[in-house]
Amino acid sequence: MLVLVLTSKNRNEMKLKLLISLLFIGIHGFSQNESVPRELIKEIKKISNQSLPNLTTMGKVADGTFYTIKNAKPAFYAYCGRVYTCRTSGCDTNNPSYSNANEFFDYFILYDKTPKIIAVKIYSYEATHGHEIGTKGWLKQFIGYSGTRKLSVGKEIDAISGATTSANNITNDIYVKTKTLKKLIAKNRNSYNLVCKQ
């Protein structure tokens, strides 16, 4: 049986080590935005070879958040959000306010400075059908897209049998979010110009 005898010196050393550990965890653990999924951080690290990318919230929308990435070229912007799909029993896809009864998936988009898409990834798929849209090969179609034209499944984007609703929903969401990002960039640029002119 091992018996650990703590002297007052050992207790003080243990307290000091515990305090330092808690401080380190507190500072390091909360230095990165807690709402940023680790999959997004991992992808930014992979693309930019940056050990700890610096993300700042740029704007929020109903089902997601836009970020500015400060030190991870070629990635300058990111969007991370949720897209709702339908259960196998069906739903009204024209209804803009989906209920909690719908299935969903979470994904992110990485943009370069222009902003053009450099990566799209689905990292959590909670729907029963349509998993095929999460494949790298299918998502690769969005790389280079800059929001200048509306995308249509079956035309610019390949249709997937059994994933029609999911394919349409993510395609539309990518179009809408890319347009929204461009507006946010223009708004921030105009705010910066107003401050500089004063």
C-alpha atoms as a PDB file:
ATOM      1  CA  MET A   1       0.000   0.000   0.000  1.00  0.00           C
ATOM      2  CA  LEU A   2       1.361   3.384  -0.995  1.00  0.00           C
ATOM      3  CA  VAL A   3       1.003   6.110   1.586  1.00  0.00           C
ATOM      4  CA  LEU A   4       1.514   9.685   0.536  1.00  0.00           C
ATOM      5  CA  VAL A   5       2.687  11.945   3.292  1.00  0.00           C
ATOM      6  CA  LEU A   6       2.093  15.597   2.582  1.00  0.00           C
ATOM      7  CA  THR A   7       4.247  18.084   4.355  1.00  0.00           C
ATOM      8  CA  SER A   8       3.273  21.718   4.440  1.00  0.00           C
ATOM      9  CA  LYS A   9       5.874  22.364   1.718  1.00  0.00           C
ATOM     10  CA  ASN A  10       4.318  19.670  -0.505  1.00  0.00           C
ATOM     11  CA  ARG A  11       0.815  21.051   0.116  1.00  0.00           C
ATOM     12  CA  ASN A  12       1.906  24.549  -0.851  1.00  0.00           C
ATOM     13  CA  GLU A  13       3.599  23.244  -3.998  1.00  0.00           C
ATOM     14  CA  MET A  14       0.456  21.266  -4.899  1.00  0.00           C
ATOM     15  CA  LYS A  15      -1.745  24.323  -4.331  1.00  0.00           C
ATOM     16  CA  LEU A  16       0.553  26.447  -6.493  1.00  0.00           C
ATOM     17  CA  LYS A  17       0.566  23.854  -9.302  1.00  0.00           C
ATOM     18  CA  LEU A  18      -3.216  23.564  -9.118  1.00  0.00           C
ATOM     19  CA  LEU A  19      -3.626  27.342  -9.230  1.00  0.00           C
ATOM     20  CA  ILE A  20      -1.286  27.662 -12.223  1.00  0.00           C
ATOM     21  CA  SER A  21      -3.089  24.816 -14.014  1.00  0.00           C
ATOM     22  CA  LEU A  22      -6.493  26.405 -13.426  1.00  0.00           C
ATOM     23  CA  LEU A  23      -5.247  29.779 -14.641  1.00  0.00           C
ATOM     24  CA  PHE A  24      -3.752  28.209 -17.771  1.00  0.00           C
ATOM     25  CA  ILE A  25      -6.964  26.316 -18.514  1.00  0.00           C
ATOM     26  CA  GLY A  26      -9.017  29.441 -17.897  1.00  0.00           C
ATOM     27  CA  ILE A  27      -6.937  31.656 -20.149  1.00  0.00           C
ATOM     28  CA  HIS A  28      -6.245  29.120 -22.891  1.00  0.00           C
ATOM     29  CA  GLY A  29      -9.641  27.435 -22.767  1.00  0.00           C
ATOM     30  CA  PHE A  30     -11.562  30.651 -23.295  1.00  0.00           C
ATOM     31  CA  SER A  31      -9.166  32.481 -25.598  1.00  0.00           C
ATOM     32  CA  GLN A  32     -10.831  30.908 -28.647  1.00  0.00           C
ATOM     33  CA  ASN A  33     -14.499  31.624 -29.299  1.00  0.00           C
ATOM     34  CA  GLU A  34     -16.334  28.728 -27.622  1.00  0.00           C
ATOM     35  CA  SER A  35     -19.076  28.645 -30.255  1.00  0.00           C
ATOM     36  CA  VAL A  36     -16.657  27.886 -33.095  1.00  0.00           C
ATOM     37  CA  PRO A  37     -16.835  24.162 -33.926  1.00  0.00           C
ATOM     38  CA  ARG A  38     -13.536  22.321 -33.634  1.00  0.00           C
ATOM     39  CA  GLU A  39     -14.056  20.946 -37.166  1.00  0.00           C
ATOM     40  CA  LEU A  40     -13.895  24.507 -38.515  1.00  0.00           C
ATOM     41  CA  ILE A  41     -10.723  25.261 -36.560  1.00  0.00           C
ATOM     42  CA  LYS A  42      -9.190  21.984 -37.787  1.00  0.00           C
ATOM     43  CA  GLU A  43      -9.972  22.816 -41.434  1.00  0.00           C
ATOM     44  CA  ILE A  44      -8.552  26.338 -41.113  1.00  0.00           C
ATOM     45  CA  LYS A  45      -5.372  24.902 -39.579  1.00  0.00           C
ATOM     46  CA  LYS A  46      -5.107  22.407 -42.454  1.00  0.00           C
ATOM     47  CA  ILE A  47      -5.573  25.033 -45.169  1.00  0.00           C
ATOM     48  CA  SER A  48      -3.372  27.730 -43.630  1.00  0.00           C
ATOM     49  CA  ASN A  49      -0.749  25.769 -41.652  1.00  0.00           C
ATOM     50  CA  GLN A  50      -1.609  28.074 -38.746  1.00  0.00           C
ATOM     51  CA  SER A  51      -1.519  26.505 -35.284  1.00  0.00           C
ATOM     52  CA  LEU A  52      -4.169  28.741 -33.694  1.00  0.00           C
ATOM     53  CA  PRO A  53      -6.311  30.752 -36.130  1.00  0.00           C
ATOM     54  CA  ASN A  54      -7.781  34.007 -34.825  1.00  0.00           C
ATOM     55  CA  LEU A  55     -11.528  34.185 -35.517  1.00  0.00           C
ATOM     56  CA  THR A  56     -13.649  37.236 -34.757  1.00  0.00           C
ATOM     57  CA  THR A  57     -17.429  37.267 -35.067  1.00  0.00           C
ATOM     58  CA  MET A  58     -18.391  39.423 -38.027  1.00  0.00           C
ATOM     59  CA  GLY A  59     -22.160  38.977 -37.896  1.00  0.00           C
ATOM     60  CA  LYS A  60     -24.924  36.592 -36.901  1.00  0.00           C
ATOM     61  CA  VAL A  61     -27.956  35.364 -38.817  1.00  0.00           C
ATOM     62  CA  ALA A  62     -30.853  33.159 -37.684  1.00  0.00           C
ATOM     63  CA  ASP A  63     -29.056  29.829 -38.052  1.00  0.00           C
ATOM     64  CA  GLY A  64     -25.382  30.722 -38.163  1.00  0.00           C
ATOM     65  CA  THR A  65     -22.434  33.046 -37.676  1.00  0.00           C
ATOM     66  CA  PHE A  66     -19.986  34.803 -39.996  1.00  0.00           C
ATOM     67  CA  TYR A  67     -16.349  35.147 -38.913  1.00  0.00           C
ATOM     68  CA  THR A  68     -13.328  37.137 -39.995  1.00  0.00           C
ATOM     69  CA  ILE A  69     -10.129  35.082 -39.897  1.00  0.00           C
ATOM     70  CA  LYS A  70      -7.134  37.276 -39.155  1.00  0.00           C
ATOM     71  CA  ASN A  71      -4.062  35.074 -39.493  1.00  0.00           C
ATOM     72  CA  ALA A  72      -4.864  32.096 -41.694  1.00  0.00           C
ATOM     73  CA  LYS A  73      -4.348  32.946 -45.369  1.00  0.00           C
ATOM     74  CA  PRO A  74      -5.796  31.963 -47.814  1.00  0.00           C
ATOM     75  CA  ALA A  75      -8.888  31.795 -45.551  1.00  0.00           C
ATOM     76  CA  PHE A  76     -10.191  35.281 -44.715  1.00  0.00           C
ATOM     77  CA  TYR A  77     -13.844  34.617 -43.872  1.00  0.00           C
ATOM     78  CA  ALA A  78     -15.940  31.739 -42.590  1.00  0.00           C
ATOM     79  CA  TYR A  79     -19.607  30.974 -42.180  1.00  0.00           C
ATOM     80  CA  CYS A  80     -20.776  28.269 -39.809  1.00  0.00           C
ATOM     81  CA  GLY A  81     -24.446  27.349 -39.588  1.00  0.00           C
ATOM     82  CA  ARG A  82     -27.342  24.949 -39.741  1.00  0.00           C
ATOM     83  CA  VAL A  83     -29.561  23.947 -42.664  1.00  0.00           C
ATOM     84  CA  TYR A  84     -32.924  22.309 -42.053  1.00  0.00           C
ATOM     85  CA  THR A  85     -34.176  19.453 -44.208  1.00  0.00           C
ATOM     86  CA  CYS A  86     -37.365  17.399 -44.066  1.00  0.00           C
ATOM     87  CA  ARG A  87     -38.279  14.177 -42.347  1.00  0.00           C
ATOM     88  CA  THR A  88     -39.233  11.251 -44.567  1.00  0.00           C
ATOM     89  CA  SER A  89     -42.902  12.041 -43.847  1.00  0.00           C
ATOM     90  CA  GLY A  90     -42.424  15.335 -45.676  1.00  0.00           C
ATOM     91  CA  CYS A  91     -42.509  19.033 -44.873  1.00  0.00           C
ATOM     92  CA  ASP A  92     -43.300  22.352 -46.428  1.00  0.00           C
ATOM     93  CA  THR A  93     -39.937  23.440 -47.889  1.00  0.00           C
ATOM     94  CA  ASN A  94     -41.429  26.824 -48.789  1.00  0.00           C
ATOM     95  CA  ASN A  95     -41.982  27.608 -45.118  1.00  0.00           C
ATOM     96  CA  PRO A  96     -39.118  29.890 -44.015  1.00  0.00           C
ATOM     97  CA  SER A  97     -39.614  29.138 -40.307  1.00  0.00           C
ATOM     98  CA  TYR A  98     -38.810  25.473 -39.884  1.00  0.00           C
ATOM     99  CA  SER A  99     -39.895  23.818 -36.655  1.00  0.00           C
ATOM    100  CA  ASN A 100     -37.794  21.631 -34.380  1.00  0.00           C
ATOM    101  CA  ALA A 101     -39.514  18.595 -35.924  1.00  0.00           C
ATOM    102  CA  ASN A 102     -37.336  18.928 -39.018  1.00  0.00           C
ATOM    103  CA  GLU A 103     -34.017  17.240 -39.481  1.00  0.00           C
ATOM    104  CA  PHE A 104     -30.884  19.286 -40.044  1.00  0.00           C
ATOM    105  CA  PHE A 105     -27.180  19.343 -40.752  1.00  0.00           C
ATOM    106  CA  ASP A 106     -24.421  21.684 -39.613  1.00  0.00           C
ATOM    107  CA  TYR A 107     -21.777  22.891 -42.021  1.00  0.00           C
ATOM    108  CA  PHE A 108     -19.233  25.602 -42.675  1.00  0.00           C
ATOM    109  CA  ILE A 109     -17.918  27.551 -45.646  1.00  0.00           C
ATOM    110  CA  LEU A 110     -14.423  29.042 -45.897  1.00  0.00           C
ATOM    111  CA  TYR A 111     -13.857  32.019 -48.184  1.00  0.00           C
ATOM    112  CA  ASP A 112     -10.772  33.758 -49.496  1.00  0.00           C
ATOM    113  CA  LYS A 113     -10.366  37.552 -49.513  1.00  0.00           C
ATOM    114  CA  THR A 114     -12.422  38.190 -52.688  1.00  0.00           C
ATOM    115  CA  PRO A 115     -14.712  36.329 -51.252  1.00  0.00           C
ATOM    116  CA  LYS A 116     -14.700  33.068 -53.192  1.00  0.00           C
ATOM    117  CA  ILE A 117     -15.394  29.714 -51.601  1.00  0.00           C
ATOM    118  CA  ILE A 118     -12.269  27.680 -50.865  1.00  0.00           C
ATOM    119  CA  ALA A 119     -13.900  24.915 -48.785  1.00  0.00           C
ATOM    120  CA  VAL A 120     -17.315  23.587 -47.751  1.00  0.00           C
ATOM    121  CA  LYS A 121     -17.742  20.839 -45.189  1.00  0.00           C
ATOM    122  CA  ILE A 122     -20.719  19.223 -43.482  1.00  0.00           C
ATOM    123  CA  TYR A 123     -19.553  18.183 -40.024  1.00  0.00           C
ATOM    124  CA  SER A 124     -22.794  17.011 -38.383  1.00  0.00           C
ATOM    125  CA  TYR A 125     -25.601  15.360 -40.336  1.00  0.00           C
ATOM    126  CA  GLU A 126     -28.710  14.695 -38.223  1.00  0.00           C
ATOM    127  CA  ALA A 127     -31.078  13.782 -41.053  1.00  0.00           C
ATOM    128  CA  THR A 128     -32.085  10.262 -42.069  1.00  0.00           C
ATOM    129  CA  HIS A 129     -31.691  10.763 -45.832  1.00  0.00           C
ATOM    130  CA  GLY A 130     -29.430  12.722 -48.149  1.00  0.00           C
ATOM    131  CA  HIS A 131     -26.041  11.921 -46.588  1.00  0.00           C
ATOM    132  CA  GLU A 132     -24.513  11.934 -50.076  1.00  0.00           C
ATOM    133  CA  ILE A 133     -24.326  15.729 -50.044  1.00  0.00           C
ATOM    134  CA  GLY A 134     -21.596  15.466 -47.408  1.00  0.00           C
ATOM    135  CA  THR A 135     -19.088  13.822 -49.733  1.00  0.00           C
ATOM    136  CA  LYS A 136     -15.985  15.807 -50.670  1.00  0.00           C
ATOM    137  CA  GLY A 137     -16.590  15.151 -54.357  1.00  0.00           C
ATOM    138  CA  TRP A 138     -20.070  16.663 -54.323  1.00  0.00           C
ATOM    139  CA  LEU A 139     -19.168  19.637 -52.097  1.00  0.00           C
ATOM    140  CA  LYS A 140     -16.148  20.378 -54.326  1.00  0.00           C
ATOM    141  CA  GLN A 141     -18.578  21.866 -56.879  1.00  0.00           C
ATOM    142  CA  PHE A 142     -18.928  24.984 -54.711  1.00  0.00           C
ATOM    143  CA  ILE A 143     -15.200  25.809 -54.666  1.00  0.00           C
ATOM    144  CA  GLY A 144     -14.588  29.041 -56.572  1.00  0.00           C
ATOM    145  CA  TYR A 145     -18.202  30.203 -56.221  1.00  0.00           C
ATOM    146  CA  SER A 146     -18.493  33.923 -55.435  1.00  0.00           C
ATOM    147  CA  GLY A 147     -22.241  34.540 -55.322  1.00  0.00           C
ATOM    148  CA  THR A 148     -22.436  36.374 -58.644  1.00  0.00           C
ATOM    149  CA  ARG A 149     -25.179  34.074 -59.935  1.00  0.00           C
ATOM    150  CA  LYS A 150     -27.846  31.897 -58.349  1.00  0.00           C
ATOM    151  CA  LEU A 151     -27.038  28.189 -58.338  1.00  0.00           C
ATOM    152  CA  SER A 152     -29.532  25.497 -59.331  1.00  0.00           C
ATOM    153  CA  VAL A 153     -29.370  21.798 -58.560  1.00  0.00           C
ATOM    154  CA  GLY A 154     -29.529  19.928 -61.856  1.00  0.00           C
ATOM    155  CA  LYS A 155     -27.861  22.787 -63.741  1.00  0.00           C
ATOM    156  CA  GLU A 156     -24.711  24.238 -62.135  1.00  0.00           C
ATOM    157  CA  ILE A 157     -24.814  21.724 -59.253  1.00  0.00           C
ATOM    158  CA  ASP A 158     -25.181  17.960 -59.752  1.00  0.00           C
ATOM    159  CA  ALA A 159     -28.462  16.468 -58.555  1.00  0.00           C
ATOM    160  CA  ILE A 160     -28.347  13.470 -56.216  1.00  0.00           C
ATOM    161  CA  SER A 161     -31.065  10.841 -56.253  1.00  0.00           C
ATOM    162  CA  GLY A 162     -32.418  10.429 -52.722  1.00  0.00           C
ATOM    163  CA  ALA A 163     -30.967  13.737 -51.550  1.00  0.00           C
ATOM    164  CA  THR A 164     -33.061  16.203 -53.538  1.00  0.00           C
ATOM    165  CA  THR A 165     -34.267  18.305 -50.604  1.00  0.00           C
ATOM    166  CA  SER A 166     -30.875  18.367 -48.859  1.00  0.00           C
ATOM    167  CA  ALA A 167     -29.067  19.239 -52.106  1.00  0.00           C
ATOM    168  CA  ASN A 168     -31.508  22.059 -52.871  1.00  0.00           C
ATOM    169  CA  ASN A 169     -31.395  23.399 -49.315  1.00  0.00           C
ATOM    170  CA  ILE A 170     -27.598  23.538 -49.003  1.00  0.00           C
ATOM    171  CA  THR A 171     -27.249  24.985 -52.521  1.00  0.00           C
ATOM    172  CA  ASN A 172     -29.726  27.745 -51.719  1.00  0.00           C
ATOM    173  CA  ASP A 173     -28.133  28.348 -48.311  1.00  0.00           C
ATOM    174  CA  ILE A 174     -24.656  28.690 -49.835  1.00  0.00           C
ATOM    175  CA  TYR A 175     -26.027  31.218 -52.348  1.00  0.00           C
ATOM    176  CA  VAL A 176     -27.809  33.235 -49.637  1.00  0.00           C
ATOM    177  CA  LYS A 177     -24.884  33.143 -47.198  1.00  0.00           C
ATOM    178  CA  THR A 178     -22.372  34.175 -49.869  1.00  0.00           C
ATOM    179  CA  LYS A 179     -24.553  37.166 -50.814  1.00  0.00           C
ATOM    180  CA  THR A 180     -24.937  38.035 -47.117  1.00  0.00           C
ATOM    181  CA  LEU A 181     -21.168  37.863 -46.581  1.00  0.00           C
ATOM    182  CA  LYS A 182     -20.599  40.258 -49.488  1.00  0.00           C
ATOM    183  CA  LYS A 183     -23.056  42.714 -47.906  1.00  0.00           C
ATOM    184  CA  LEU A 184     -21.314  42.414 -44.521  1.00  0.00           C
ATOM    185  CA  ILE A 185     -17.924  43.052 -46.136  1.00  0.00           C
ATOM    186  CA  ALA A 186     -19.278  46.116 -47.979  1.00  0.00           C
ATOM    187  CA  LYS A 187     -20.924  47.400 -44.791  1.00  0.00           C
ATOM    188  CA  ASN A 188     -17.702  46.971 -42.802  1.00  0.00           C
ATOM    189  CA  ARG A 189     -15.677  48.608 -45.583  1.00  0.00           C
ATOM    190  CA  ASN A 190     -18.071  51.584 -45.683  1.00  0.00           C
ATOM    191  CA  SER A 191     -17.905  51.925 -41.885  1.00  0.00           C
ATOM    192  CA  TYR A 192     -14.106  51.874 -42.072  1.00  0.00           C
ATOM    193  CA  ASN A 193     -14.094  54.511 -44.833  1.00  0.00           C
ATOM    194  CA  LEU A 194     -16.423  56.767 -42.818  1.00  0.00           C
ATOM    195  CA  VAL A 195     -14.134  56.552 -39.789  1.00  0.00           C
ATOM    196  CA  CYS A 196     -11.026  57.255 -41.899  1.00  0.00           C
ATOM    197  CA  LYS A 197     -12.599  60.311 -43.594  1.00  0.00           C
ATOM    198  CA  GLN A 198     -13.489  61.999 -40.301  1.00  0.00           C
END
